[in-house]
């Protein structure tokens, strides 16, 4: 039991689908984020310690790993400025954005192989959903924040955050994707601030 470093890929055949084991990550991680950038997978942050005390700094990872699909190999990526887990992530062009995490309102951007801090979120939030649409990075819902239904939007051009229309209901643990933001499921938020 506990965090895993295993990686699986769903292969699609004409009639059936099957799971294929891929090379394991270099580090065991849970509560991480992963994105696809330029045909490679970037696994970021997370916790090596499973579901222990959320407030423990021993739970946080700042490390990242790149997965090369063609070579089926993981390699070290640049470490984030701040260790974080249960955070939001997204990709605009070739730049990766991360925001929040347990007890955090800090945000970062991976650009040209280097992480740097960007403007903080207006509030600390975790178990939030991230999505990028039309060159903007959105952080939706989560635990913490103002009411669990908050949505903040980061504009790289402006270099700052603005709050936008709230979610119809508070939620955390949701995911978001596509040319519009689609929140699927999640857990009814009891506003655990």
Protein backbone atom coordinates (compact mmCIF):
# COMPACT_ATOMS: atom_id res chain seq x y z
CA UNK A 1 0.00 0.00 0.00
CA UNK A 2 1.01 3.62 -0.33
CA UNK A 3 2.28 5.76 -3.19
CA UNK A 4 3.16 4.13 -6.48
CA UNK A 5 5.69 4.78 -9.22
CA UNK A 6 3.97 2.49 -11.71
CA UNK A 7 2.76 3.81 -15.06
CA UNK A 8 0.24 2.20 -17.40
CA UNK A 9 -1.00 3.06 -20.88
CA UNK A 10 -4.35 2.08 -22.36
CA UNK A 11 -3.73 0.78 -25.87
CA UNK A 12 -6.66 0.85 -28.24
CA UNK A 13 -7.12 -2.01 -30.69
CA UNK A 14 -9.75 -2.50 -33.36
CA UNK A 15 -11.86 -4.72 -31.13
CA UNK A 16 -10.52 -4.41 -27.61
CA UNK A 17 -8.42 -2.25 -25.36
CA UNK A 18 -5.74 -3.38 -22.94
CA UNK A 19 -3.42 -1.87 -20.37
CA UNK A 20 0.32 -1.94 -21.00
CA UNK A 21 2.86 -1.45 -18.21
CA UNK A 22 5.37 1.31 -18.99
CA UNK A 23 8.67 2.20 -17.35
CA UNK A 24 8.10 3.22 -13.72
CA UNK A 25 8.65 6.79 -12.57
CA UNK A 26 11.90 7.41 -10.72
CA UNK A 27 10.00 8.46 -7.56
CA UNK A 28 6.86 7.14 -5.93
CA UNK A 29 4.22 9.88 -5.90
CA UNK A 30 0.61 10.37 -4.94
CA UNK A 31 -1.49 13.53 -5.27
CA UNK A 32 0.71 14.73 -8.15
CA UNK A 33 -0.15 16.50 -11.39
CA UNK A 34 0.86 15.37 -14.86
CA UNK A 35 0.60 17.20 -18.18
CA UNK A 36 1.57 16.54 -21.79
CA UNK A 37 4.03 19.00 -23.35
CA UNK A 38 5.53 18.55 -26.78
CA UNK A 39 4.69 14.85 -26.90
CA UNK A 40 6.26 14.12 -23.50
CA UNK A 41 4.58 13.61 -20.11
CA UNK A 42 5.71 15.78 -17.18
CA UNK A 43 4.93 14.41 -13.69
CA UNK A 44 5.21 17.10 -11.02
CA UNK A 45 5.28 17.31 -7.25
CA UNK A 46 3.01 15.16 -5.16
CA UNK A 47 3.66 13.28 -1.96
CA UNK A 48 5.94 10.30 -1.39
CA UNK A 49 4.24 9.47 1.92
CA UNK A 50 0.68 8.55 1.03
CA UNK A 51 -2.18 9.84 3.08
CA UNK A 52 -0.35 10.91 6.19
CA UNK A 53 -0.83 14.24 7.92
CA UNK A 54 -1.59 16.84 5.22
CA UNK A 55 0.18 19.55 7.19
CA UNK A 56 3.51 17.69 7.25
CA UNK A 57 6.15 19.27 5.00
CA UNK A 58 7.58 15.76 4.55
CA UNK A 59 4.62 15.12 2.23
CA UNK A 60 5.71 17.67 -0.36
CA UNK A 61 7.82 17.03 -3.46
CA UNK A 62 9.27 19.74 -5.67
CA UNK A 63 10.80 17.25 -8.08
CA UNK A 64 9.56 16.66 -11.62
CA UNK A 65 10.11 13.87 -14.16
CA UNK A 66 9.81 13.74 -17.95
CA UNK A 67 8.53 10.62 -19.70
CA UNK A 68 9.76 9.97 -23.24
CA UNK A 69 7.08 7.91 -24.98
CA UNK A 70 9.36 6.74 -27.81
CA UNK A 71 12.14 5.59 -25.50
CA UNK A 72 9.88 4.40 -22.63
CA UNK A 73 12.18 6.11 -20.14
CA UNK A 74 11.84 8.69 -17.36
CA UNK A 75 14.42 11.43 -16.78
CA UNK A 76 14.77 14.12 -14.13
CA UNK A 77 13.03 17.39 -14.86
CA UNK A 78 13.81 20.75 -13.27
CA UNK A 79 12.58 21.02 -9.67
CA UNK A 80 9.71 23.40 -8.99
CA UNK A 81 10.48 26.45 -6.87
CA UNK A 82 8.01 25.26 -4.21
CA UNK A 83 7.19 21.70 -3.17
CA UNK A 84 3.47 21.09 -3.60
CA UNK A 85 0.77 18.45 -3.83
CA UNK A 86 -3.01 18.42 -4.47
CA UNK A 87 -2.55 21.42 -6.79
CA UNK A 88 -3.79 22.57 -10.21
CA UNK A 89 -1.81 22.49 -13.45
CA UNK A 90 -2.18 23.41 -17.09
CA UNK A 91 -0.28 24.02 -20.32
CA UNK A 92 -0.31 27.09 -22.56
CA UNK A 93 1.79 26.54 -25.68
CA UNK A 94 4.95 24.94 -24.31
CA UNK A 95 4.72 26.61 -20.88
CA UNK A 96 3.51 24.64 -17.84
CA UNK A 97 1.62 26.38 -15.03
CA UNK A 98 1.04 25.14 -11.47
CA UNK A 99 -1.03 26.83 -8.78
CA UNK A 100 -1.93 26.26 -5.16
CA UNK A 101 -1.52 23.04 -3.26
CA UNK A 102 -2.00 22.30 0.41
CA UNK A 103 -1.66 25.60 2.31
CA UNK A 104 -0.36 27.43 -0.77
CA UNK A 105 -1.44 30.34 -2.94
CA UNK A 106 1.90 30.46 -4.76
CA UNK A 107 2.10 29.74 -8.50
CA UNK A 108 4.86 28.91 -10.97
CA UNK A 109 5.58 28.64 -14.67
CA UNK A 110 7.98 26.26 -16.41
CA UNK A 111 9.34 28.17 -19.38
CA UNK A 112 12.45 27.32 -21.42
CA UNK A 113 13.36 24.50 -19.00
CA UNK A 114 13.26 26.64 -15.85
CA UNK A 115 10.59 27.15 -13.17
CA UNK A 116 9.94 30.67 -11.90
CA UNK A 117 7.41 32.16 -9.53
CA UNK A 118 4.48 34.07 -11.02
CA UNK A 119 1.80 36.13 -9.24
CA UNK A 120 0.13 34.39 -6.30
CA UNK A 121 -3.49 33.26 -6.42
CA UNK A 122 -5.82 35.60 -4.50
CA UNK A 123 -6.25 32.79 -1.89
CA UNK A 124 -4.66 29.50 -0.79
CA UNK A 125 -6.43 26.47 -2.31
CA UNK A 126 -5.89 22.74 -2.78
CA UNK A 127 -7.74 19.83 -4.42
CA UNK A 128 -8.61 22.31 -7.16
CA UNK A 129 -8.99 21.76 -10.92
CA UNK A 130 -6.82 23.46 -13.53
CA UNK A 131 -7.55 24.16 -17.19
CA UNK A 132 -6.13 26.33 -19.94
CA UNK A 133 -8.45 27.93 -22.49
CA UNK A 134 -7.59 30.59 -25.08
CA UNK A 135 -4.18 31.31 -23.56
CA UNK A 136 -5.49 31.71 -20.00
CA UNK A 137 -4.98 29.42 -16.96
CA UNK A 138 -8.03 28.76 -14.76
CA UNK A 139 -8.08 27.35 -11.22
CA UNK A 140 -11.54 26.11 -10.28
CA UNK A 141 -13.09 25.14 -6.95
CA UNK A 142 -11.05 23.33 -4.35
CA UNK A 143 -10.75 23.31 -0.62
CA UNK A 144 -9.65 26.54 0.98
CA UNK A 145 -10.18 29.60 -1.13
CA UNK A 146 -13.17 31.74 -0.36
CA UNK A 147 -16.14 29.39 -0.62
CA UNK A 148 -15.14 26.26 -2.58
CA UNK A 149 -16.90 27.57 -5.71
CA UNK A 150 -14.35 30.24 -6.60
CA UNK A 151 -12.69 30.44 -10.03
CA UNK A 152 -9.51 32.44 -10.68
CA UNK A 153 -8.01 33.18 -14.12
CA UNK A 154 -4.32 33.90 -14.81
CA UNK A 155 -3.37 35.97 -17.83
CA UNK A 156 0.29 35.54 -18.86
CA UNK A 157 0.04 38.79 -20.85
CA UNK A 158 -1.19 40.78 -17.83
CA UNK A 159 0.93 38.79 -15.35
CA UNK A 160 -1.88 38.56 -12.80
CA UNK A 161 -5.01 36.83 -11.56
CA UNK A 162 -8.63 37.91 -11.66
CA UNK A 163 -11.64 36.23 -10.13
CA UNK A 164 -14.36 35.18 -12.58
CA UNK A 165 -17.84 33.65 -12.37
CA UNK A 166 -18.15 31.23 -9.47
CA UNK A 167 -19.05 27.58 -9.99
CA UNK A 168 -22.74 26.67 -9.63
CA UNK A 169 -21.79 24.66 -6.54
CA UNK A 170 -18.76 24.26 -4.33
CA UNK A 171 -16.61 21.23 -5.21
CA UNK A 172 -13.15 19.84 -4.97
CA UNK A 173 -11.26 17.02 -6.60
CA UNK A 174 -12.74 17.84 -10.02
CA UNK A 175 -10.95 17.80 -13.36
CA UNK A 176 -11.15 20.21 -16.27
CA UNK A 177 -10.16 20.03 -19.93
CA UNK A 178 -10.82 21.06 -23.51
CA UNK A 179 -11.57 24.25 -25.41
CA UNK A 180 -14.06 25.06 -22.69
CA UNK A 181 -13.94 24.21 -19.03
CA UNK A 182 -15.82 21.02 -18.22
CA UNK A 183 -15.92 20.08 -14.55
CA UNK A 184 -16.76 16.44 -14.03
CA UNK A 185 -17.82 15.13 -10.68
CA UNK A 186 -15.71 15.97 -7.71
CA UNK A 187 -16.80 15.86 -4.11
CA UNK A 188 -19.43 18.19 -2.65
CA UNK A 189 -17.32 20.63 -0.73
CA UNK A 190 -18.09 21.18 2.92
CA UNK A 191 -15.95 24.32 2.64
CA UNK A 192 -13.07 22.93 4.65
CA UNK A 193 -11.19 26.21 5.07
